[in-house]
PDB file of all heavy atoms in Angstrom:
ATOM      1  N   GLU A   1      -8.179  13.350 -20.393  1.00  0.00           N
ATOM      2  CA  GLU A   1      -7.665  12.445 -21.357  1.00  0.00           C
ATOM      3  C   GLU A   1      -7.369  11.148 -20.824  1.00  0.00           C
ATOM      4  O   GLU A   1      -6.790  10.273 -21.531  1.00  0.00           O
ATOM      5  CB  GLU A   1      -6.261  13.169 -21.907  1.00  0.00           C
ATOM      6  CG  GLU A   1      -6.509  14.518 -22.642  1.00  0.00           C
ATOM      7  CD  GLU A   1      -5.232  15.068 -23.052  1.00  0.00           C
ATOM      8  OE1 GLU A   1      -4.141  14.537 -22.948  1.00  0.00           O
ATOM      9  OE2 GLU A   1      -5.379  16.222 -23.660  1.00  0.00           O
ATOM     10  N   MET A   2      -7.746  10.775 -19.644  1.00  0.00           N
ATOM     11  CA  MET A   2      -7.599   9.486 -19.002  1.00  0.00           C
ATOM     12  C   MET A   2      -8.330   8.360 -19.881  1.00  0.00           C
ATOM     13  O   MET A   2      -9.536   8.624 -20.220  1.00  0.00           O
ATOM     14  CB  MET A   2      -8.085   9.437 -17.695  1.00  0.00           C
ATOM     15  CG  MET A   2      -7.885   8.060 -17.020  1.00  0.00           C
ATOM     16  SD  MET A   2      -8.521   7.929 -15.408  1.00  0.00           S
ATOM     17  CE  MET A   2      -7.865   9.182 -14.442  1.00  0.00           C
ATOM     18  N   PRO A   3      -7.632   7.429 -20.303  1.00  0.00           N
ATOM     19  CA  PRO A   3      -8.360   6.328 -21.099  1.00  0.00           C
ATOM     20  C   PRO A   3      -9.459   5.695 -20.265  1.00  0.00           C
ATOM     21  O   PRO A   3      -9.455   5.445 -19.065  1.00  0.00           O
ATOM     22  CB  PRO A   3      -7.295   5.253 -21.275  1.00  0.00           C
ATOM     23  CG  PRO A   3      -5.973   5.907 -20.987  1.00  0.00           C
ATOM     24  CD  PRO A   3      -6.230   7.063 -20.072  1.00  0.00           C
ATOM     25  N   GLN A   4     -10.730   5.506 -20.929  1.00  0.00           N
ATOM     26  CA  GLN A   4     -11.931   5.089 -20.283  1.00  0.00           C
ATOM     27  C   GLN A   4     -11.758   3.613 -19.783  1.00  0.00           C
ATOM     28  O   GLN A   4     -12.540   3.144 -19.103  1.00  0.00           O
ATOM     29  CB  GLN A   4     -13.075   5.211 -21.248  1.00  0.00           C
ATOM     30  CG  GLN A   4     -13.379   6.643 -21.603  1.00  0.00           C
ATOM     31  CD  GLN A   4     -14.555   6.834 -22.449  1.00  0.00           C
ATOM     32  OE1 GLN A   4     -15.246   5.926 -22.709  1.00  0.00           O
ATOM     33  NE2 GLN A   4     -14.839   8.122 -22.810  1.00  0.00           N
ATOM     34  N   ASP A   5     -10.840   2.822 -20.272  1.00  0.00           N
ATOM     35  CA  ASP A   5     -10.629   1.498 -19.900  1.00  0.00           C
ATOM     36  C   ASP A   5      -9.808   1.519 -18.636  1.00  0.00           C
ATOM     37  O   ASP A   5      -9.664   0.294 -18.046  1.00  0.00           O
ATOM     38  CB  ASP A   5     -10.140   0.586 -20.952  1.00  0.00           C
ATOM     39  CG  ASP A   5      -8.638   1.057 -21.327  1.00  0.00           C
ATOM     40  OD1 ASP A   5      -8.276   2.133 -21.110  1.00  0.00           O
ATOM     41  OD2 ASP A   5      -7.995   0.217 -22.052  1.00  0.00           O
ATOM     42  N   PHE A   6      -9.345   2.445 -18.090  1.00  0.00           N
ATOM     43  CA  PHE A   6      -8.626   2.534 -16.832  1.00  0.00           C
ATOM     44  C   PHE A   6      -9.635   2.028 -15.676  1.00  0.00           C
ATOM     45  O   PHE A   6     -10.735   2.459 -15.652  1.00  0.00           O
ATOM     46  CB  PHE A   6      -8.041   3.773 -16.382  1.00  0.00           C
ATOM     47  CG  PHE A   6      -6.747   4.084 -16.967  1.00  0.00           C
ATOM     48  CD1 PHE A   6      -6.232   3.447 -18.084  1.00  0.00           C
ATOM     49  CD2 PHE A   6      -5.767   5.055 -16.358  1.00  0.00           C
ATOM     50  CE1 PHE A   6      -4.942   3.622 -18.628  1.00  0.00           C
ATOM     51  CE2 PHE A   6      -4.627   5.255 -16.959  1.00  0.00           C
ATOM     52  CZ  PHE A   6      -4.136   4.609 -17.996  1.00  0.00           C
ATOM     53  N   LEU A   7      -9.216   1.195 -14.765  1.00  0.00           N
ATOM     54  CA  LEU A   7     -10.154   0.697 -13.685  1.00  0.00           C
ATOM     55  C   LEU A   7     -10.675   1.864 -12.817  1.00  0.00           C
ATOM     56  O   LEU A   7     -11.692   1.860 -12.413  1.00  0.00           O
ATOM     57  CB  LEU A   7      -9.263  -0.149 -12.804  1.00  0.00           C
ATOM     58  CG  LEU A   7     -10.072  -1.054 -11.786  1.00  0.00           C
ATOM     59  CD1 LEU A   7     -11.014  -1.935 -12.373  1.00  0.00           C
ATOM     60  CD2 LEU A   7      -9.139  -1.904 -10.975  1.00  0.00           C
ATOM     61  N   THR A   8      -9.838   2.819 -12.616  1.00  0.00           N
ATOM     62  CA  THR A   8     -10.377   4.062 -11.794  1.00  0.00           C
ATOM     63  C   THR A   8     -10.994   5.044 -12.529  1.00  0.00           C
ATOM     64  O   THR A   8     -11.500   5.959 -11.809  1.00  0.00           O
ATOM     65  CB  THR A   8      -9.090   4.657 -11.098  1.00  0.00           C
ATOM     66  OG1 THR A   8      -8.096   5.077 -12.064  1.00  0.00           O
ATOM     67  CG2 THR A   8      -8.414   3.616 -10.166  1.00  0.00           C
ATOM     68  N   TYR A   9     -11.253   4.825 -13.786  1.00  0.00           N
ATOM     69  CA  TYR A   9     -11.898   6.018 -14.650  1.00  0.00           C
ATOM     70  C   TYR A   9     -13.348   6.240 -14.107  1.00  0.00           C
ATOM     71  O   TYR A   9     -13.509   7.612 -13.932  1.00  0.00           O
ATOM     72  CB  TYR A   9     -11.991   5.462 -16.103  1.00  0.00           C
ATOM     73  CG  TYR A   9     -12.634   6.550 -17.012  1.00  0.00           C
ATOM     74  CD1 TYR A   9     -11.975   7.636 -17.404  1.00  0.00           C
ATOM     75  CD2 TYR A   9     -14.102   6.462 -17.294  1.00  0.00           C
ATOM     76  CE1 TYR A   9     -12.731   8.621 -18.272  1.00  0.00           C
ATOM     77  CE2 TYR A   9     -14.695   7.297 -18.070  1.00  0.00           C
ATOM     78  CZ  TYR A   9     -13.944   8.495 -18.523  1.00  0.00           C
ATOM     79  OH  TYR A   9     -14.586   9.369 -19.313  1.00  0.00           O
ATOM     80  N   PRO A  10     -14.249   5.383 -13.715  1.00  0.00           N
ATOM     81  CA  PRO A  10     -15.424   5.814 -13.188  1.00  0.00           C
ATOM     82  C   PRO A  10     -15.441   6.592 -11.895  1.00  0.00           C
ATOM     83  O   PRO A  10     -16.203   7.641 -11.749  1.00  0.00           O
ATOM     84  CB  PRO A  10     -16.218   4.456 -12.971  1.00  0.00           C
ATOM     85  CG  PRO A  10     -15.536   3.443 -13.883  1.00  0.00           C
ATOM     86  CD  PRO A  10     -14.060   3.858 -14.007  1.00  0.00           C
ATOM     87  N   TYR A  11     -14.444   6.220 -11.038  1.00  0.00           N
ATOM     88  CA  TYR A  11     -14.399   6.892  -9.842  1.00  0.00           C
ATOM     89  C   TYR A  11     -13.844   8.413 -10.155  1.00  0.00           C
ATOM     90  O   TYR A  11     -14.269   9.456  -9.643  1.00  0.00           O
ATOM     91  CB  TYR A  11     -13.360   6.311  -8.921  1.00  0.00           C
ATOM     92  CG  TYR A  11     -13.044   7.029  -7.653  1.00  0.00           C
ATOM     93  CD1 TYR A  11     -13.995   7.135  -6.545  1.00  0.00           C
ATOM     94  CD2 TYR A  11     -11.979   7.866  -7.490  1.00  0.00           C
ATOM     95  CE1 TYR A  11     -13.777   7.875  -5.469  1.00  0.00           C
ATOM     96  CE2 TYR A  11     -11.620   8.650  -6.483  1.00  0.00           C
ATOM     97  CZ  TYR A  11     -12.540   8.567  -5.418  1.00  0.00           C
ATOM     98  OH  TYR A  11     -12.340   9.409  -4.316  1.00  0.00           O
ATOM     99  N   MET A  12     -12.753   8.450 -10.999  1.00  0.00           N
ATOM    100  CA  MET A  12     -12.215   9.765 -11.298  1.00  0.00           C
ATOM    101  C   MET A  12     -13.222  10.673 -11.973  1.00  0.00           C
ATOM    102  O   MET A  12     -13.320  11.847 -11.640  1.00  0.00           O
ATOM    103  CB  MET A  12     -10.968   9.626 -12.188  1.00  0.00           C
ATOM    104  CG  MET A  12      -9.863   8.781 -11.624  1.00  0.00           C
ATOM    105  SD  MET A  12      -9.014   9.683 -10.364  1.00  0.00           S
ATOM    106  CE  MET A  12      -7.579   8.686 -10.121  1.00  0.00           C
ATOM    107  N   LEU A  13     -14.019  10.211 -12.875  1.00  0.00           N
ATOM    108  CA  LEU A  13     -15.028  10.962 -13.594  1.00  0.00           C
ATOM    109  C   LEU A  13     -16.138  11.405 -12.623  1.00  0.00           C
ATOM    110  O   LEU A  13     -16.457  12.583 -12.587  1.00  0.00           O
ATOM    111  CB  LEU A  13     -15.583  10.125 -14.729  1.00  0.00           C
ATOM    112  CG  LEU A  13     -16.564  10.859 -15.509  1.00  0.00           C
ATOM    113  CD1 LEU A  13     -16.046  12.018 -16.369  1.00  0.00           C
ATOM    114  CD2 LEU A  13     -17.254   9.935 -16.580  1.00  0.00           C
ATOM    115  N   GLY A  14     -16.570  10.552 -11.595  1.00  0.00           N
ATOM    116  CA  GLY A  14     -17.567  10.868 -10.705  1.00  0.00           C
ATOM    117  C   GLY A  14     -17.178  11.788  -9.632  1.00  0.00           C
ATOM    118  O   GLY A  14     -18.050  12.345  -8.970  1.00  0.00           O
ATOM    119  N   ASN A  15     -15.908  11.847  -9.450  1.00  0.00           N
ATOM    120  CA  ASN A  15     -15.370  12.700  -8.252  1.00  0.00           C
ATOM    121  C   ASN A  15     -14.355  13.628  -8.869  1.00  0.00           C
ATOM    122  O   ASN A  15     -13.340  13.957  -8.098  1.00  0.00           O
ATOM    123  CB  ASN A  15     -14.801  11.778  -7.212  1.00  0.00           C
ATOM    124  CG  ASN A  15     -15.770  10.928  -6.682  1.00  0.00           C
ATOM    125  OD1 ASN A  15     -16.691  11.284  -5.870  1.00  0.00           O
ATOM    126  ND2 ASN A  15     -15.735   9.625  -6.914  1.00  0.00           N
ATOM    127  N   LYS A  16     -14.515  14.104 -10.040  1.00  0.00           N
ATOM    128  CA  LYS A  16     -13.533  14.912 -10.730  1.00  0.00           C
ATOM    129  C   LYS A  16     -13.138  16.181  -9.916  1.00  0.00           C
ATOM    130  O   LYS A  16     -11.842  16.365  -9.693  1.00  0.00           O
ATOM    131  CB  LYS A  16     -14.060  15.348 -11.985  1.00  0.00           C
ATOM    132  CG  LYS A  16     -12.985  16.051 -12.919  1.00  0.00           C
ATOM    133  CD  LYS A  16     -13.526  16.339 -14.238  1.00  0.00           C
ATOM    134  CE  LYS A  16     -12.401  17.061 -15.111  1.00  0.00           C
ATOM    135  NZ  LYS A  16     -12.865  17.328 -16.451  1.00  0.00           N
ATOM    136  N   ALA A  17     -13.997  16.797  -9.349  1.00  0.00           N
ATOM    137  CA  ALA A  17     -13.672  18.105  -8.465  1.00  0.00           C
ATOM    138  C   ALA A  17     -12.755  17.746  -7.382  1.00  0.00           C
ATOM    139  O   ALA A  17     -11.828  18.366  -7.115  1.00  0.00           O
ATOM    140  CB  ALA A  17     -14.803  18.929  -8.161  1.00  0.00           C
ATOM    141  N   GLU A  18     -13.150  16.656  -6.700  1.00  0.00           N
ATOM    142  CA  GLU A  18     -12.400  16.197  -5.472  1.00  0.00           C
ATOM    143  C   GLU A  18     -11.024  15.720  -5.831  1.00  0.00           C
ATOM    144  O   GLU A  18     -10.102  16.034  -5.234  1.00  0.00           O
ATOM    145  CB  GLU A  18     -13.265  15.159  -4.686  1.00  0.00           C
ATOM    146  CG  GLU A  18     -12.441  14.691  -3.517  1.00  0.00           C
ATOM    147  CD  GLU A  18     -13.262  13.508  -2.639  1.00  0.00           C
ATOM    148  OE1 GLU A  18     -14.322  13.260  -3.119  1.00  0.00           O
ATOM    149  OE2 GLU A  18     -12.709  13.176  -1.694  1.00  0.00           O
ATOM    150  N   VAL A  19     -10.930  14.879  -6.882  1.00  0.00           N
ATOM    151  CA  VAL A  19      -9.642  14.372  -7.325  1.00  0.00           C
ATOM    152  C   VAL A  19      -8.737  15.542  -7.816  1.00  0.00           C
ATOM    153  O   VAL A  19      -7.591  15.386  -7.406  1.00  0.00           O
ATOM    154  CB  VAL A  19      -9.915  13.270  -8.459  1.00  0.00           C
ATOM    155  CG1 VAL A  19      -8.624  13.041  -9.130  1.00  0.00           C
ATOM    156  CG2 VAL A  19     -10.626  12.109  -7.909  1.00  0.00           C
ATOM    157  N   LYS A  20      -9.336  16.474  -8.464  1.00  0.00           N
ATOM    158  CA  LYS A  20      -8.575  17.679  -9.016  1.00  0.00           C
ATOM    159  C   LYS A  20      -8.001  18.424  -7.714  1.00  0.00           C
ATOM    160  O   LYS A  20      -6.836  18.791  -7.680  1.00  0.00           O
ATOM    161  CB  LYS A  20      -9.405  18.451  -9.785  1.00  0.00           C
ATOM    162  CG  LYS A  20      -8.722  19.558 -10.435  1.00  0.00           C
ATOM    163  CD  LYS A  20      -9.792  20.352 -11.380  1.00  0.00           C
ATOM    164  CE  LYS A  20      -9.173  21.624 -11.903  1.00  0.00           C
ATOM    165  NZ  LYS A  20     -10.157  22.281 -12.759  1.00  0.00           N
ATOM    166  N   ASN A  21      -8.851  18.590  -6.767  1.00  0.00           N
ATOM    167  CA  ASN A  21      -8.350  19.376  -5.503  1.00  0.00           C
ATOM    168  C   ASN A  21      -7.325  18.553  -4.714  1.00  0.00           C
ATOM    169  O   ASN A  21      -6.411  19.163  -4.355  1.00  0.00           O
ATOM    170  CB  ASN A  21      -9.581  19.552  -4.696  1.00  0.00           C
ATOM    171  CG  ASN A  21      -9.218  20.449  -3.494  1.00  0.00           C
ATOM    172  OD1 ASN A  21      -8.645  21.465  -3.682  1.00  0.00           O
ATOM    173  ND2 ASN A  21      -9.816  20.156  -2.267  1.00  0.00           N
ATOM    174  N   MET A  22      -7.494  17.310  -4.700  1.00  0.00           N
ATOM    175  CA  MET A  22      -6.563  16.387  -4.007  1.00  0.00           C
ATOM    176  C   MET A  22      -5.124  16.545  -4.693  1.00  0.00           C
ATOM    177  O   MET A  22      -4.043  16.773  -4.034  1.00  0.00           O
ATOM    178  CB  MET A  22      -6.950  15.050  -4.007  1.00  0.00           C
ATOM    179  CG  MET A  22      -7.914  14.689  -2.879  1.00  0.00           C
ATOM    180  SD  MET A  22      -8.636  13.031  -2.809  1.00  0.00           S
ATOM    181  CE  MET A  22      -7.258  12.146  -3.278  1.00  0.00           C
ATOM    182  N   CYS A  23      -5.155  16.487  -6.076  1.00  0.00           N
ATOM    183  CA  CYS A  23      -3.855  16.485  -6.851  1.00  0.00           C
ATOM    184  C   CYS A  23      -3.224  17.997  -6.693  1.00  0.00           C
ATOM    185  O   CYS A  23      -1.947  18.029  -6.395  1.00  0.00           O
ATOM    186  CB  CYS A  23      -4.113  16.377  -8.386  1.00  0.00           C
ATOM    187  SG  CYS A  23      -4.570  14.621  -8.674  1.00  0.00           S
ATOM    188  N   ILE A  24      -4.073  18.997  -6.601  1.00  0.00           N
ATOM    189  CA  ILE A  24      -3.369  20.268  -6.573  1.00  0.00           C
ATOM    190  C   ILE A  24      -2.909  20.473  -5.076  1.00  0.00           C
ATOM    191  O   ILE A  24      -1.858  21.011  -4.872  1.00  0.00           O
ATOM    192  CB  ILE A  24      -4.394  21.436  -6.838  1.00  0.00           C
ATOM    193  CG1 ILE A  24      -4.783  21.188  -8.408  1.00  0.00           C
ATOM    194  CG2 ILE A  24      -3.964  22.716  -6.516  1.00  0.00           C
ATOM    195  CD1 ILE A  24      -5.837  22.092  -8.855  1.00  0.00           C
ATOM    196  N   THR A  25      -3.655  19.983  -4.030  1.00  0.00           N
ATOM    197  CA  THR A  25      -3.148  20.209  -2.689  1.00  0.00           C
ATOM    198  C   THR A  25      -1.911  19.409  -2.405  1.00  0.00           C
ATOM    199  O   THR A  25      -1.027  19.817  -1.679  1.00  0.00           O
ATOM    200  CB  THR A  25      -4.279  19.657  -1.701  1.00  0.00           C
ATOM    201  OG1 THR A  25      -5.497  20.461  -2.043  1.00  0.00           O
ATOM    202  CG2 THR A  25      -3.925  19.816  -0.364  1.00  0.00           C
ATOM    203  N   GLU A  26      -1.825  18.186  -2.982  1.00  0.00           N
ATOM    204  CA  GLU A  26      -0.602  17.361  -2.678  1.00  0.00           C
ATOM    205  C   GLU A  26       0.504  18.047  -3.385  1.00  0.00           C
ATOM    206  O   GLU A  26       1.714  17.932  -2.776  1.00  0.00           O
ATOM    207  CB  GLU A  26      -0.776  16.027  -3.344  1.00  0.00           C
ATOM    208  CG  GLU A  26      -1.739  15.177  -2.587  1.00  0.00           C
ATOM    209  CD  GLU A  26      -1.257  14.706  -1.292  1.00  0.00           C
ATOM    210  OE1 GLU A  26      -0.027  14.492  -1.078  1.00  0.00           O
ATOM    211  OE2 GLU A  26      -2.091  14.704  -0.357  1.00  0.00           O
ATOM    212  N   TYR A  27       0.366  18.643  -4.607  1.00  0.00           N
ATOM    213  CA  TYR A  27       1.488  19.383  -5.232  1.00  0.00           C
ATOM    214  C   TYR A  27       1.900  20.463  -4.302  1.00  0.00           C
ATOM    215  O   TYR A  27       3.129  20.634  -3.967  1.00  0.00           O
ATOM    216  CB  TYR A  27       0.991  19.909  -6.621  1.00  0.00           C
ATOM    217  CG  TYR A  27       2.038  20.767  -7.096  1.00  0.00           C
ATOM    218  CD1 TYR A  27       3.070  20.248  -7.896  1.00  0.00           C
ATOM    219  CD2 TYR A  27       1.954  22.153  -7.119  1.00  0.00           C
ATOM    220  CE1 TYR A  27       4.080  21.002  -8.449  1.00  0.00           C
ATOM    221  CE2 TYR A  27       2.756  22.892  -7.747  1.00  0.00           C
ATOM    222  CZ  TYR A  27       3.803  22.339  -8.435  1.00  0.00           C
ATOM    223  OH  TYR A  27       4.850  23.257  -8.990  1.00  0.00           O
ATOM    224  N   ASN A  28       1.002  21.271  -3.809  1.00  0.00           N
ATOM    225  CA  ASN A  28       1.339  22.361  -2.981  1.00  0.00           C
ATOM    226  C   ASN A  28       2.038  22.015  -1.677  1.00  0.00           C
ATOM    227  O   ASN A  28       2.823  22.657  -1.117  1.00  0.00           O
ATOM    228  CB  ASN A  28       0.094  23.233  -2.747  1.00  0.00           C
ATOM    229  CG  ASN A  28      -0.265  23.982  -3.853  1.00  0.00           C
ATOM    230  OD1 ASN A  28       0.421  24.165  -4.868  1.00  0.00           O
ATOM    231  ND2 ASN A  28      -1.623  24.489  -4.040  1.00  0.00           N
ATOM    232  N   GLU A  29       1.582  20.841  -1.160  1.00  0.00           N
ATOM    233  CA  GLU A  29       2.102  20.411   0.137  1.00  0.00           C
ATOM    234  C   GLU A  29       3.592  20.032  -0.122  1.00  0.00           C
ATOM    235  O   GLU A  29       4.364  20.365   0.719  1.00  0.00           O
ATOM    236  CB  GLU A  29       1.317  19.212   0.433  1.00  0.00           C
ATOM    237  CG  GLU A  29       1.828  18.636   1.851  1.00  0.00           C
ATOM    238  CD  GLU A  29       0.997  17.395   2.409  1.00  0.00           C
ATOM    239  OE1 GLU A  29       0.027  17.122   1.820  1.00  0.00           O
ATOM    240  OE2 GLU A  29       1.558  16.795   3.354  1.00  0.00           O
ATOM    241  N   ALA A  30       3.925  19.316  -1.211  1.00  0.00           N
ATOM    242  CA  ALA A  30       5.375  19.045  -1.341  1.00  0.00           C
ATOM    243  C   ALA A  30       6.233  20.329  -1.435  1.00  0.00           C
ATOM    244  O   ALA A  30       7.226  20.281  -0.933  1.00  0.00           O
ATOM    245  CB  ALA A  30       5.375  18.180  -2.731  1.00  0.00           C
ATOM    246  N   GLU A  31       5.630  21.213  -2.177  1.00  0.00           N
ATOM    247  CA  GLU A  31       6.421  22.557  -2.308  1.00  0.00           C
ATOM    248  C   GLU A  31       6.586  23.262  -0.982  1.00  0.00           C
ATOM    249  O   GLU A  31       7.668  23.718  -0.532  1.00  0.00           O
ATOM    250  CB  GLU A  31       5.713  23.492  -3.181  1.00  0.00           C
ATOM    251  CG  GLU A  31       6.346  24.741  -3.588  1.00  0.00           C
ATOM    252  CD  GLU A  31       5.604  25.621  -4.531  1.00  0.00           C
ATOM    253  OE1 GLU A  31       4.653  26.356  -4.087  1.00  0.00           O
ATOM    254  OE2 GLU A  31       5.844  25.580  -5.706  1.00  0.00           O
TER     255      GLU A  31
END
């Protein structure tokens, strides 16, 4: 649901699996 006009949108879209994994890992690390 990220707006396509966000500066980081192309990176996020192109690296979605890695970005997703990083977000989940960071969450678990904090816990």
